[in-house]
Amino acid sequence: MAIFDYNADHAIGSVYSVDTGTVLVSVSDINALRRMQVNHLVVLRSSRAGQHLIGLINKIMRKALVGISENEQHNDDTQEDHAVVENIVRVTLIGTHIDAVGTEQNVFRRTLETVPEIDAPCFMLSGDRLTAFMRAISKQIVEGQEPLRLGKYTIDEEADAWIDGNRFFQRHAVVVGSTGSGKSWTVAQILEQVAQLPNASALLFDIHGEYTPLDGDGISQLKVAGPGDITAGRTLTDGVLYLPYWLLTYEEMLAMLLDRSDQNAPNQAMIFNREVIDAKRAYLEETDKKDVLANFTIDSPIPYSIEAVLAKLLESDTEMVPGANNRDKQGPFHGKLTRFIQRLESKTADRRLGFLFSAGDDAMRYEWMQELATVLLGSTTVRGAGGVKIIDFSEVPSDVLPLIIGLVARVVFSVQQWTEKNKQHPVAMLCDEAHLYIPERHESGASEEGLKSFERIAKEGRKYGVGLAVISQRPAEVNRTVLSQCNNFLAMRLTNAEDQAVIRRLMPDTLGSFAELLPILDIGEALVVGDAAILPSRIRIDEPTKHPTSATVNFWDRWAAETIESGITDAVEALRKQQTSSP
């Protein structure tokens, strides 16, 4: 049964101007004009039978025109000006509703096969027709697949709001919102649904440990090892990740160790390159990996001894060679590696970087990377939990955070890239607080190297089944290249003008005015635009079962409390030990 069974009596006005995707409608019914709201939907009759065009109101205008009545045009003595009021509504066309396509009823398409004719009637989309239309859209999205439900449509709270889960992760997504807008709530709600799928594979990069409360079937908690974990001997089977230095590429190691301003930097880089290659070759020869030995490079993820490399660097830095008159002289690199060696020794001794340099003998095994990749990419973890892995990076030092998160992303992408096409299992990476490690302006070599991984994933990830969801409260500080590759936008309240401008530029030109709602959205409301949403919509997001620990502290209420418990002493000790009181 057709949803839009309008007759001429239902019309609120008629089309008097058409310009590609924009239509101006003259509204004669003043009561209908009062009921109209910007960003609500209207229906226009198409020139083709059985089709209607769906439009989004983006401006409501009233114009006063001054004219002369026809009866007075020929009487110069009695001519008087009369004010004529014209009610104009500007509508952006967003798609076509077709009554039937074959056996399928009520099909909505985000295309404009026709445009309305001049004087074509325009109808309000409200009440039962609106509910029926929104439900038809929802059915069209979820039919034949597991649905991804966000909540309810703001314009019709009787209709469930769904998006296409395939397109949401295939085409990459952006989730943005100011602090307190409900962004973490939204991410938790999406993750809970992903976790219910029997073979889900998703990673959430949790920078502050705020998603720790999320648990249950399908969700596992992992963390990058901190000093306390190393002391306690916690391992991968305990959900503790070690990311040994040999996983880093040559450029990533130099970004962490090399001072580019040092006049000896070229010599330091060259000698380090030589010694790392020799150390990797020695490991392959010792483990009899002849097939790998023939083709490995400086960037191949092969274990090697950093102590052996350091010893060789010290040897070159203090080398004396025979000179004239049987007197030794300084070698070619004598004293030129001193600062590099000091930085390397400092890094290896830093307890905060224990996950890199103190991973233990277990992480030096050739098979260890396969075990790590299984945890990151498998649809189940080694602890038997589900396929959503929340990785806590809260104990990683901020100066190397972009490099380390980029390392994890690169390992995931590289393994996917080298997996046979018919065996690739898709994985999604959700990047919380993305502005910290996918920045628009990088300030260090470590930040630049980490960013390269995400830029490549944004451009090429879809080919290898790697999806990206960029989550940030400051989209203006997120890398433009990465954002430009995202075709889905879930935007919550944004109060900063620069952030609003970024989202406005990313949206299709015809929906630019839709972004005007960003500063006035309620907590938990979002604008959803993109390939995953058939209809650009304002949605009230459902509440997740378990909330992240990101709720805003109630200052006034806490200050008004009669008694409080101080945690300063424990905090100072935890700071000194670099270990939280709880395991």
Protein backbone atom coordinates (compact mmCIF):
# COMPACT_ATOMS: atom_id res chain seq x y z
CA MET A 1 0.00 0.00 0.00
CA ALA A 2 1.35 3.42 -0.97
CA ILE A 3 2.25 5.71 1.92
CA PHE A 4 1.60 8.96 0.07
CA ASP A 5 -2.07 8.81 -0.88
CA TYR A 6 -2.40 12.59 -0.99
CA ASN A 7 -5.02 14.44 -3.01
CA ALA A 8 -4.99 18.07 -4.09
CA ASP A 9 -6.88 19.18 -0.96
CA HIS A 10 -3.91 18.15 1.20
CA ALA A 11 -1.45 20.46 -0.57
CA ILE A 12 0.07 23.30 1.45
CA GLY A 13 1.44 25.08 -1.60
CA SER A 14 2.99 24.64 -5.02
CA VAL A 15 6.39 24.76 -6.67
CA TYR A 16 7.24 28.01 -8.41
CA SER A 17 11.03 27.66 -8.83
CA VAL A 18 13.34 24.68 -9.43
CA ASP A 19 17.14 24.73 -9.42
CA THR A 20 18.79 21.27 -9.63
CA GLY A 21 18.44 20.03 -6.03
CA THR A 22 16.73 23.13 -4.57
CA VAL A 23 13.06 23.99 -4.87
CA LEU A 24 11.13 27.10 -3.81
CA VAL A 25 7.55 26.48 -2.73
CA SER A 26 4.87 29.12 -2.50
CA VAL A 27 2.70 28.40 0.55
CA SER A 28 -0.84 29.69 0.51
CA ASP A 29 -2.07 28.02 3.72
CA ILE A 30 -1.02 30.28 6.62
CA ASN A 31 -1.85 27.62 9.21
CA ALA A 32 0.39 25.14 7.43
CA LEU A 33 3.15 27.74 7.34
CA ARG A 34 2.97 28.13 11.11
CA ARG A 35 3.35 24.37 11.59
CA MET A 36 6.45 24.15 9.42
CA GLN A 37 9.91 23.88 10.97
CA VAL A 38 13.37 24.03 9.48
CA ASN A 39 14.86 20.56 8.84
CA HIS A 40 11.45 18.89 8.75
CA LEU A 41 10.35 16.86 5.74
CA VAL A 42 7.98 17.65 2.89
CA VAL A 43 6.75 15.63 -0.10
CA LEU A 44 6.53 16.93 -3.67
CA ARG A 45 4.68 15.18 -6.47
CA SER A 46 7.04 13.92 -9.17
CA SER A 47 6.43 14.10 -12.90
CA ARG A 48 6.49 10.29 -12.92
CA ALA A 49 3.52 8.30 -11.70
CA GLY A 50 4.04 6.39 -8.48
CA GLN A 51 6.95 8.58 -7.38
CA HIS A 52 7.29 11.39 -4.88
CA LEU A 53 10.28 13.58 -4.10
CA ILE A 54 11.33 13.99 -0.47
CA GLY A 55 12.69 17.35 0.59
CA LEU A 56 14.22 18.92 3.69
CA ILE A 57 13.04 22.40 4.66
CA ASN A 58 16.07 24.67 5.10
CA LYS A 59 14.49 28.11 5.11
CA ILE A 60 11.03 29.63 5.72
CA MET A 61 10.54 33.16 4.39
CA ARG A 62 7.81 35.77 4.22
CA LYS A 63 8.17 38.50 1.62
CA ALA A 64 6.11 41.67 1.38
CA LEU A 65 5.73 42.83 -2.24
CA VAL A 66 4.43 46.25 -3.27
CA GLY A 67 2.17 46.30 -6.36
CA ILE A 68 -0.81 47.92 -8.12
CA SER A 69 -4.12 46.15 -8.48
CA GLU A 70 -5.30 45.36 -12.04
CA ASN A 71 -8.44 47.55 -11.66
CA GLU A 72 -6.35 50.60 -10.93
CA GLN A 73 -3.71 50.18 -13.62
CA HIS A 74 -5.64 52.37 -16.13
CA ASN A 75 -6.65 55.12 -13.73
CA ASP A 76 -3.63 57.29 -12.94
CA ASP A 77 -5.55 59.45 -10.45
CA THR A 78 -6.63 56.60 -8.18
CA GLN A 79 -3.53 54.36 -8.25
CA GLU A 80 -2.49 53.14 -4.79
CA ASP A 81 0.26 50.80 -3.69
CA HIS A 82 -0.90 47.56 -2.09
CA ALA A 83 1.30 45.28 0.07
CA VAL A 84 1.17 41.68 -1.10
CA VAL A 85 2.53 39.04 1.26
CA GLU A 86 4.19 35.99 -0.24
CA ASN A 87 5.15 32.94 1.86
CA ILE A 88 8.17 31.09 0.50
CA VAL A 89 9.74 27.85 1.71
CA ARG A 90 13.13 26.74 0.39
CA VAL A 91 13.45 22.96 0.17
CA THR A 92 16.52 20.80 -0.47
CA LEU A 93 15.63 17.61 -2.35
CA ILE A 94 17.26 14.55 -0.75
CA GLY A 95 15.73 11.55 -2.49
CA THR A 96 12.87 9.80 -4.23
CA HIS A 97 10.14 7.62 -2.77
CA ILE A 98 8.80 4.98 -5.17
CA ASP A 99 5.51 3.22 -4.41
CA ALA A 100 6.74 -0.09 -5.82
CA VAL A 101 9.83 -1.55 -7.49
CA GLY A 102 8.92 -5.03 -8.69
CA THR A 103 7.47 -6.79 -5.68
CA GLU A 104 9.10 -4.42 -3.21
CA GLN A 105 6.83 -1.76 -1.73
CA ASN A 106 7.71 1.77 -0.56
CA VAL A 107 11.33 2.10 -1.70
CA PHE A 108 13.40 5.18 -0.87
CA ARG A 109 16.46 6.07 -2.95
CA ARG A 110 19.02 8.81 -2.37
CA THR A 111 18.83 9.86 -6.00
CA LEU A 112 16.82 12.39 -7.98
CA GLU A 113 15.66 10.75 -11.18
CA THR A 114 13.30 13.67 -11.81
CA VAL A 115 12.63 17.15 -10.49
CA PRO A 116 9.19 18.53 -9.71
CA GLU A 117 7.31 20.47 -12.34
CA ILE A 118 6.32 24.09 -11.88
CA ASP A 119 3.07 24.28 -9.85
CA ALA A 120 3.56 20.69 -8.60
CA PRO A 121 1.78 20.35 -5.23
CA CYS A 122 3.77 20.20 -1.99
CA PHE A 123 2.57 18.25 1.07
CA MET A 124 3.55 18.15 4.72
CA LEU A 125 5.10 14.87 5.91
CA SER A 126 3.75 14.39 9.42
CA GLY A 127 1.60 12.21 11.61
CA ASP A 128 0.87 8.66 10.50
CA ARG A 129 2.46 9.20 7.09
CA LEU A 130 5.73 10.30 8.66
CA THR A 131 5.77 7.26 10.95
CA ALA A 132 5.00 4.94 8.04
CA PHE A 133 7.74 6.56 5.92
CA MET A 134 10.39 6.33 8.67
CA ARG A 135 9.50 2.70 9.36
CA ALA A 136 9.73 1.91 5.66
CA ILE A 137 13.23 3.41 5.62
CA SER A 138 14.24 1.41 8.69
CA LYS A 139 12.93 -1.80 7.13
CA GLN A 140 14.81 -1.03 3.93
CA ILE A 141 18.09 -0.70 5.88
CA VAL A 142 17.84 -3.77 8.10
CA GLU A 143 16.08 -6.25 5.85
CA GLY A 144 18.34 -9.26 5.32
CA GLN A 145 21.05 -8.16 7.76
CA GLU A 146 21.73 -7.61 11.45
CA PRO A 147 20.53 -4.07 12.26
CA LEU A 148 22.56 -1.29 13.89
CA ARG A 149 20.04 0.69 15.91
CA LEU A 150 20.94 4.16 17.15
CA GLY A 151 17.73 5.30 18.80
CA LYS A 152 14.61 7.23 17.79
CA TYR A 153 14.07 9.92 15.18
CA THR A 154 13.58 13.32 16.81
CA ILE A 155 10.87 14.27 14.30
CA ASP A 156 8.98 11.02 15.00
CA GLU A 157 9.76 9.23 18.26
CA GLU A 158 7.49 6.35 17.25
CA ALA A 159 9.98 5.25 14.58
CA ASP A 160 13.25 3.44 15.31
CA ALA A 161 16.39 4.91 13.76
CA TRP A 162 18.68 2.39 12.07
CA ILE A 163 21.82 2.73 10.01
CA ASP A 164 23.52 0.30 7.64
CA GLY A 165 26.25 -1.41 9.69
CA ASN A 166 28.10 -2.51 6.56
CA ARG A 167 28.41 0.98 5.12
CA PHE A 168 29.09 2.58 8.51
CA PHE A 169 32.37 0.69 8.88
CA GLN A 170 33.19 0.15 5.18
CA ARG A 171 33.14 3.85 4.33
CA HIS A 172 34.74 5.01 7.62
CA ALA A 173 32.90 7.18 10.13
CA VAL A 174 33.30 10.32 12.23
CA VAL A 175 31.75 10.62 15.70
CA VAL A 176 32.16 14.11 17.14
CA GLY A 177 30.72 16.15 19.98
CA SER A 178 31.77 18.62 22.66
CA THR A 179 32.52 17.41 26.16
CA GLY A 180 29.29 16.33 27.84
CA SER A 181 27.30 15.95 24.60
CA GLY A 182 26.95 12.16 24.95
CA LYS A 183 29.73 11.10 22.59
CA SER A 184 31.13 8.30 24.80
CA TRP A 185 27.58 7.16 25.51
CA THR A 186 27.00 6.82 21.75
CA VAL A 187 30.23 4.87 21.23
CA ALA A 188 29.31 2.50 24.07
CA GLN A 189 25.87 1.97 22.57
CA ILE A 190 27.36 1.04 19.18
CA LEU A 191 29.97 -1.26 20.78
CA GLU A 192 27.32 -3.16 22.74
CA GLN A 193 25.54 -4.02 19.49
CA VAL A 194 28.77 -4.97 17.71
CA ALA A 195 29.63 -7.28 20.64
CA GLN A 196 26.39 -9.22 20.16
CA LEU A 197 27.48 -10.43 16.72
CA PRO A 198 29.00 -13.94 16.90
CA ASN A 199 32.13 -13.13 14.86
CA ALA A 200 32.67 -9.43 15.46
CA SER A 201 36.18 -8.00 15.35
CA ALA A 202 36.65 -4.45 16.57
CA LEU A 203 39.28 -2.49 18.50
CA LEU A 204 38.63 0.59 20.61
CA PHE A 205 41.65 2.72 21.48
CA ASP A 206 40.81 3.92 25.00
CA ILE A 207 43.16 6.74 25.96
CA HIS A 208 41.94 7.49 29.49
CA GLY A 209 40.59 4.12 30.62
CA GLU A 210 37.02 5.43 30.60
CA TYR A 211 35.55 2.38 28.83
CA THR A 212 36.70 -0.03 31.54
CA PRO A 213 33.12 -0.54 32.86
CA LEU A 214 32.07 -2.09 29.54
CA ASP A 215 32.21 -5.85 29.92
CA GLY A 216 30.12 -8.94 29.36
CA ASP A 217 29.76 -11.35 26.47
CA GLY A 218 31.55 -10.19 23.37
CA ILE A 219 33.72 -7.54 25.06
CA SER A 220 37.23 -8.00 26.44
CA GLN A 221 39.42 -5.51 28.23
CA LEU A 222 43.10 -5.24 27.29
CA LYS A 223 45.73 -2.77 28.40
CA VAL A 224 49.22 -1.80 27.35
CA ALA A 225 51.54 -2.95 30.12
CA GLY A 226 52.43 -0.41 32.78
CA PRO A 227 55.27 -0.59 35.33
CA GLY A 228 53.00 -2.37 37.82
CA ASP A 229 52.03 -5.03 35.30
CA ILE A 230 55.68 -5.74 34.51
CA THR A 231 56.56 -6.00 38.19
CA ALA A 232 53.65 -8.38 38.80
CA GLY A 233 54.60 -10.50 35.80
CA ARG A 234 51.27 -10.11 34.02
CA THR A 235 51.20 -11.46 30.48
CA LEU A 236 49.10 -11.61 27.34
CA THR A 237 46.85 -14.24 28.88
CA ASP A 238 46.04 -11.70 31.63
CA GLY A 239 44.93 -9.18 29.03
CA VAL A 240 48.20 -7.22 29.22
CA LEU A 241 49.78 -6.21 25.91
CA TYR A 242 53.51 -5.87 25.32
CA LEU A 243 54.63 -4.15 22.13
CA PRO A 244 58.34 -5.00 21.90
CA TYR A 245 60.69 -2.59 20.18
CA TRP A 246 61.36 -4.97 17.29
CA LEU A 247 57.81 -4.32 16.01
CA LEU A 248 58.81 -0.71 15.30
CA THR A 249 59.98 0.20 11.83
CA TYR A 250 63.36 1.82 11.30
CA GLU A 251 61.82 5.29 10.92
CA GLU A 252 59.67 4.79 14.02
CA MET A 253 62.73 3.87 16.09
CA LEU A 254 64.61 6.91 14.81
CA ALA A 255 61.61 9.15 15.57
CA MET A 256 61.90 8.05 19.20
CA LEU A 257 65.71 8.04 19.50
CA LEU A 258 67.28 10.41 16.99
CA ASP A 259 67.78 14.14 17.46
CA ARG A 260 67.61 15.47 13.89
CA SER A 261 69.33 18.70 14.93
CA ASP A 262 72.46 16.84 16.03
CA GLN A 263 75.25 17.37 13.49
CA ASN A 264 76.10 13.67 13.80
CA ALA A 265 72.52 12.52 13.15
CA PRO A 266 73.26 11.09 9.66
CA ASN A 267 76.13 8.98 11.05
CA GLN A 268 74.00 7.83 13.99
CA ALA A 269 71.14 6.79 11.69
CA MET A 270 73.49 4.95 9.33
CA ILE A 271 75.28 2.98 12.06
CA PHE A 272 72.00 2.13 13.79
CA ASN A 273 70.62 0.84 10.48
CA ARG A 274 73.66 -1.36 9.96
CA GLU A 275 73.63 -2.83 13.46
CA VAL A 276 69.89 -3.55 13.48
CA ILE A 277 70.13 -5.39 10.16
CA ASP A 278 73.07 -7.42 11.49
CA ALA A 279 71.20 -8.22 14.72
CA LYS A 280 68.10 -9.38 12.78
CA ARG A 281 70.28 -11.48 10.47
CA ALA A 282 71.94 -13.08 13.49
CA TYR A 283 68.54 -13.98 14.98
CA LEU A 284 67.33 -15.55 11.71
CA GLU A 285 70.52 -17.55 11.35
CA GLU A 286 70.30 -18.74 14.94
CA THR A 287 66.67 -19.87 14.49
CA ASP A 288 67.37 -21.35 11.05
CA LYS A 289 64.81 -19.19 9.18
CA LYS A 290 66.52 -19.48 5.81
CA ASP A 291 63.44 -18.58 3.74
CA VAL A 292 63.03 -15.31 5.64
CA LEU A 293 66.75 -14.64 5.68
CA ALA A 294 66.82 -14.25 1.91
CA ASN A 295 64.25 -11.43 1.76
CA PHE A 296 64.06 -9.60 5.09
CA THR A 297 64.52 -5.81 5.38
CA ILE A 298 65.27 -3.32 8.13
CA ASP A 299 61.49 -2.97 8.68
CA SER A 300 60.68 -6.69 8.82
CA PRO A 301 59.11 -7.53 12.23
CA ILE A 302 61.89 -9.87 13.36
CA PRO A 303 63.08 -10.08 16.97
CA TYR A 304 66.61 -8.85 17.68
CA SER A 305 68.65 -8.03 20.74
CA ILE A 306 68.71 -4.32 21.56
CA GLU A 307 71.51 -5.06 24.04
CA ALA A 308 73.64 -6.45 21.20
CA VAL A 309 72.94 -3.36 19.10
CA LEU A 310 73.85 -1.10 22.02
CA ALA A 311 77.11 -2.98 22.55
CA LYS A 312 78.03 -2.53 18.89
CA LEU A 313 77.21 1.17 19.04
CA LEU A 314 79.44 1.57 22.11
CA GLU A 315 82.20 -0.27 20.30
CA SER A 316 82.02 2.07 17.31
CA ASP A 317 81.81 5.13 19.58
CA THR A 318 85.04 4.23 21.40
CA GLU A 319 86.86 2.50 18.55
CA MET A 320 90.60 3.17 18.13
CA VAL A 321 92.34 2.14 14.92
CA PRO A 322 96.03 1.87 13.99
CA GLY A 323 97.59 5.14 12.91
CA ALA A 324 100.94 6.45 11.80
CA ASN A 325 104.09 5.68 13.76
CA ASN A 326 102.38 2.72 15.44
CA ARG A 327 100.13 5.05 17.41
CA ASP A 328 96.40 4.41 17.63
CA LYS A 329 93.98 7.04 16.48
CA GLN A 330 90.27 7.53 16.90
CA GLY A 331 88.02 5.46 14.64
CA PRO A 332 85.75 7.07 11.99
CA PHE A 333 82.77 7.24 14.38
CA HIS A 334 84.65 7.82 17.64
CA GLY A 335 82.53 10.09 19.87
CA LYS A 336 79.91 10.67 17.18
CA LEU A 337 77.42 8.20 18.61
CA THR A 338 77.61 9.28 22.26
CA ARG A 339 74.36 11.26 22.40
CA PHE A 340 72.44 8.63 20.46
CA ILE A 341 73.70 5.95 22.87
CA GLN A 342 72.68 8.05 25.85
CA ARG A 343 69.17 8.49 24.48
CA LEU A 344 68.88 4.76 23.75
CA GLU A 345 70.09 3.86 27.26
CA SER A 346 67.65 6.36 28.74
CA LYS A 347 64.71 4.88 26.83
CA THR A 348 65.55 1.28 27.66
CA ALA A 349 65.87 2.15 31.36
CA ASP A 350 62.57 4.09 31.50
CA ARG A 351 60.09 1.95 33.44
CA ARG A 352 57.19 3.66 31.69
CA LEU A 353 58.45 2.18 28.40
CA GLY A 354 58.71 -1.30 29.85
CA PHE A 355 56.06 -2.53 27.39
CA LEU A 356 58.66 -1.81 24.66
CA PHE A 357 61.99 -2.71 26.23
CA SER A 358 61.16 -5.02 29.17
CA ALA A 359 58.72 -7.42 27.54
CA GLY A 360 60.80 -10.42 28.61
CA ASP A 361 62.03 -13.52 26.82
CA ASP A 362 58.52 -14.57 25.85
CA ALA A 363 58.15 -11.56 23.54
CA MET A 364 61.44 -12.39 21.83
CA ARG A 365 60.04 -15.57 20.29
CA TYR A 366 59.50 -15.71 16.54
CA GLU A 367 55.89 -16.92 17.09
CA TRP A 368 55.03 -14.08 19.43
CA MET A 369 53.77 -11.68 16.72
CA GLN A 370 51.31 -14.30 15.50
CA GLU A 371 49.90 -14.55 19.03
CA LEU A 372 49.60 -10.76 19.30
CA ALA A 373 47.88 -10.53 15.90
CA THR A 374 45.45 -13.28 16.93
CA VAL A 375 44.46 -11.25 19.99
CA LEU A 376 44.05 -8.04 18.00
CA LEU A 377 42.37 -9.46 14.91
CA GLY A 378 40.65 -12.62 16.07
CA SER A 379 36.92 -12.70 16.58
CA THR A 380 37.65 -14.19 20.01
CA THR A 381 40.56 -13.38 22.33
CA VAL A 382 42.94 -15.78 24.04
CA ARG A 383 40.84 -15.44 27.17
CA GLY A 384 37.73 -16.70 25.42
CA ALA A 385 35.97 -13.33 25.42
CA GLY A 386 34.27 -11.77 22.44
CA GLY A 387 35.44 -9.84 19.45
CA VAL A 388 35.29 -6.26 20.77
CA LYS A 389 38.68 -5.48 22.29
CA ILE A 390 38.98 -2.31 24.37
CA ILE A 391 42.67 -1.40 24.65
CA ASP A 392 43.60 0.86 27.56
CA PHE A 393 46.53 3.16 26.65
CA SER A 394 46.24 5.28 29.81
CA GLU A 395 49.71 4.34 31.13
CA VAL A 396 51.54 5.05 27.86
CA PRO A 397 53.58 8.30 28.11
CA SER A 398 52.01 11.10 26.10
CA ASP A 399 55.19 11.85 24.13
CA VAL A 400 55.15 8.40 22.49
CA LEU A 401 51.37 7.83 22.54
CA PRO A 402 50.83 8.67 18.82
CA LEU A 403 53.71 6.38 17.86
CA ILE A 404 52.45 3.43 19.94
CA ILE A 405 48.82 3.67 18.82
CA GLY A 406 50.07 4.03 15.25
CA LEU A 407 52.14 0.88 15.79
CA VAL A 408 49.06 -1.13 16.82
CA ALA A 409 47.09 0.24 13.85
CA ARG A 410 49.94 -0.57 11.48
CA VAL A 411 50.28 -4.14 12.75
CA VAL A 412 46.54 -4.70 12.24
CA PHE A 413 46.58 -3.20 8.74
CA SER A 414 49.75 -5.04 7.67
CA VAL A 415 48.45 -8.44 8.77
CA GLN A 416 45.15 -7.78 6.96
CA GLN A 417 47.02 -6.67 3.86
CA TRP A 418 49.05 -9.88 3.71
CA THR A 419 46.11 -12.17 4.46
CA GLU A 420 44.71 -14.07 1.49
CA LYS A 421 41.65 -12.28 0.14
CA ASN A 422 39.27 -15.17 0.79
CA LYS A 423 40.47 -15.42 4.40
CA GLN A 424 40.34 -11.75 5.35
CA HIS A 425 38.03 -11.15 8.30
CA PRO A 426 36.99 -7.48 8.56
CA VAL A 427 38.11 -5.47 11.57
CA ALA A 428 37.09 -2.00 12.72
CA MET A 429 39.24 0.44 14.66
CA LEU A 430 37.46 3.02 16.82
CA CYS A 431 39.83 5.87 17.68
CA ASP A 432 38.69 7.67 20.82
CA GLU A 433 40.23 11.12 21.46
CA ALA A 434 41.58 10.95 17.91
CA HIS A 435 42.91 14.53 17.96
CA LEU A 436 45.69 13.35 20.31
CA TYR A 437 47.24 10.91 17.83
CA ILE A 438 45.69 11.72 14.43
CA PRO A 439 46.50 15.44 14.57
CA GLU A 440 46.20 18.06 11.87
CA ARG A 441 49.59 19.49 12.89
CA HIS A 442 52.21 17.06 14.21
CA GLU A 443 54.82 18.50 16.54
CA SER A 444 57.33 15.63 16.67
CA GLY A 445 58.73 12.81 14.61
CA ALA A 446 56.89 10.28 16.78
CA SER A 447 53.58 12.00 16.06
CA GLU A 448 54.33 12.14 12.33
CA GLU A 449 55.19 8.44 12.10
CA GLY A 450 52.05 7.43 13.99
CA LEU A 451 49.92 9.60 11.71
CA LYS A 452 51.23 7.87 8.57
CA SER A 453 49.58 4.61 9.59
CA PHE A 454 46.16 6.19 9.97
CA GLU A 455 46.41 8.14 6.72
CA ARG A 456 47.13 4.92 4.85
CA ILE A 457 44.28 3.07 6.58
CA ALA A 458 41.88 5.91 5.76
CA LYS A 459 42.87 5.77 2.07
CA GLU A 460 43.30 2.02 1.56
CA GLY A 461 41.67 0.24 4.50
CA ARG A 462 38.42 -0.61 2.71
CA LYS A 463 40.32 -2.79 0.21
CA TYR A 464 41.60 -5.01 3.01
CA GLY A 465 38.60 -5.03 5.34
CA VAL A 466 39.86 -2.42 7.80
CA GLY A 467 37.26 0.13 8.91
CA LEU A 468 37.97 3.36 10.80
CA ALA A 469 35.79 5.36 13.18
CA VAL A 470 37.30 8.70 14.23
CA ILE A 471 35.97 9.91 17.60
CA SER A 472 36.86 13.36 18.86
CA GLN A 473 35.63 16.40 20.75
CA ARG A 474 37.84 18.66 18.59
CA PRO A 475 37.36 17.82 14.90
CA ALA A 476 39.23 21.02 14.00
CA GLU A 477 42.40 19.42 15.40
CA VAL A 478 41.99 16.08 13.59
CA ASN A 479 43.95 15.41 10.40
CA ARG A 480 42.09 16.66 7.31
CA THR A 481 43.29 13.81 5.08
CA VAL A 482 41.80 11.20 7.42
CA LEU A 483 38.53 13.12 7.86
CA SER A 484 38.14 13.58 4.11
CA GLN A 485 38.06 9.81 3.62
CA CYS A 486 35.17 9.36 6.10
CA ASN A 487 31.75 9.18 4.47
CA ASN A 488 29.57 8.88 7.58
CA PHE A 489 29.06 11.62 10.15
CA LEU A 490 27.50 11.22 13.55
CA ALA A 491 27.73 14.74 14.93
CA MET A 492 26.56 15.65 18.41
CA ARG A 493 26.48 19.10 19.99
CA LEU A 494 29.47 21.24 18.98
CA THR A 495 29.81 24.70 20.47
CA ASN A 496 33.16 25.74 18.99
CA ALA A 497 32.86 27.65 15.70
CA GLU A 498 35.99 26.05 14.20
CA ASP A 499 34.70 22.55 14.95
CA GLN A 500 31.32 23.38 13.43
CA ALA A 501 33.01 24.73 10.31
CA VAL A 502 34.95 21.47 9.81
CA ILE A 503 31.80 19.34 9.96
CA ARG A 504 29.93 21.78 7.72
CA ARG A 505 32.65 21.49 5.07
CA LEU A 506 32.58 17.69 5.22
CA MET A 507 28.82 17.47 4.72
CA PRO A 508 27.33 17.51 1.21
CA ASP A 509 26.75 21.03 -0.12
CA THR A 510 22.98 20.57 -0.16
CA LEU A 511 22.97 19.79 3.57
CA GLY A 512 25.16 22.66 4.71
CA SER A 513 22.27 24.28 6.58
CA PHE A 514 21.70 21.00 8.45
CA ALA A 515 24.90 21.75 10.38
CA GLU A 516 23.31 24.89 11.82
CA LEU A 517 21.71 22.57 14.39
CA LEU A 518 25.06 21.54 15.88
CA PRO A 519 25.23 24.12 18.71
CA ILE A 520 21.63 23.58 19.82
CA LEU A 521 21.42 19.78 19.95
CA ASP A 522 20.37 18.30 23.27
CA ILE A 523 22.59 15.91 25.23
CA GLY A 524 22.33 12.53 23.53
CA GLU A 525 21.08 13.95 20.21
CA ALA A 526 23.03 13.57 16.98
CA LEU A 527 22.86 14.54 13.34
CA VAL A 528 23.45 11.44 11.21
CA VAL A 529 24.50 11.98 7.61
CA GLY A 530 26.29 9.72 5.16
CA ASP A 531 26.29 6.51 3.19
CA ALA A 532 25.08 4.43 6.15
CA ALA A 533 22.00 6.59 6.70
CA ILE A 534 19.47 6.54 3.88
CA LEU A 535 17.98 9.76 5.20
CA PRO A 536 19.92 12.65 6.85
CA SER A 537 18.37 12.62 10.30
CA ARG A 538 18.34 14.09 13.76
CA ILE A 539 18.34 11.17 16.17
CA ARG A 540 18.05 10.77 19.94
CA ILE A 541 20.61 8.10 20.81
CA ASP A 542 19.55 5.17 22.99
CA GLU A 543 21.11 4.80 26.42
CA PRO A 544 23.76 2.04 26.61
CA THR A 545 23.41 -0.75 29.16
CA LYS A 546 26.68 0.23 30.85
CA HIS A 547 28.05 3.75 30.84
CA PRO A 548 31.71 4.75 30.36
CA THR A 549 33.32 6.59 33.28
CA SER A 550 33.23 9.86 31.39
CA ALA A 551 30.38 11.57 33.22
CA THR A 552 31.00 15.20 34.12
CA VAL A 553 31.76 15.75 37.82
CA ASN A 554 29.09 17.77 39.63
CA PHE A 555 31.30 20.46 41.16
CA TRP A 556 28.65 22.29 43.16
CA ASP A 557 27.13 19.12 44.62
CA ARG A 558 30.52 17.71 45.61
CA TRP A 559 31.56 21.00 47.19
CA ALA A 560 28.28 21.09 49.12
CA ALA A 561 28.82 17.61 50.62
CA GLU A 562 29.30 17.52 54.40
CA THR A 563 32.15 14.99 54.28
CA ILE A 564 34.64 13.96 51.61
CA GLU A 565 37.31 11.29 51.35
CA SER A 566 40.76 12.46 50.32
CA GLY A 567 42.75 10.36 47.88
CA ILE A 568 45.77 12.64 47.66
CA THR A 569 48.17 10.44 49.63
CA ASP A 570 47.40 7.38 47.53
CA ALA A 571 47.61 9.44 44.35
CA VAL A 572 51.09 10.77 45.20
CA GLU A 573 52.34 7.26 45.93
CA ALA A 574 50.81 5.93 42.70
CA LEU A 575 52.55 8.77 40.82
CA ARG A 576 55.91 7.86 42.35
CA LYS A 577 55.49 4.14 41.71
CA GLN A 578 53.92 4.68 38.27
CA GLN A 579 51.35 2.14 39.38
CA THR A 580 47.69 2.51 40.30
CA SER A 581 46.49 1.03 43.56
CA SER A 582 44.10 -1.32 41.76
CA PRO A 583 45.57 -4.08 39.56
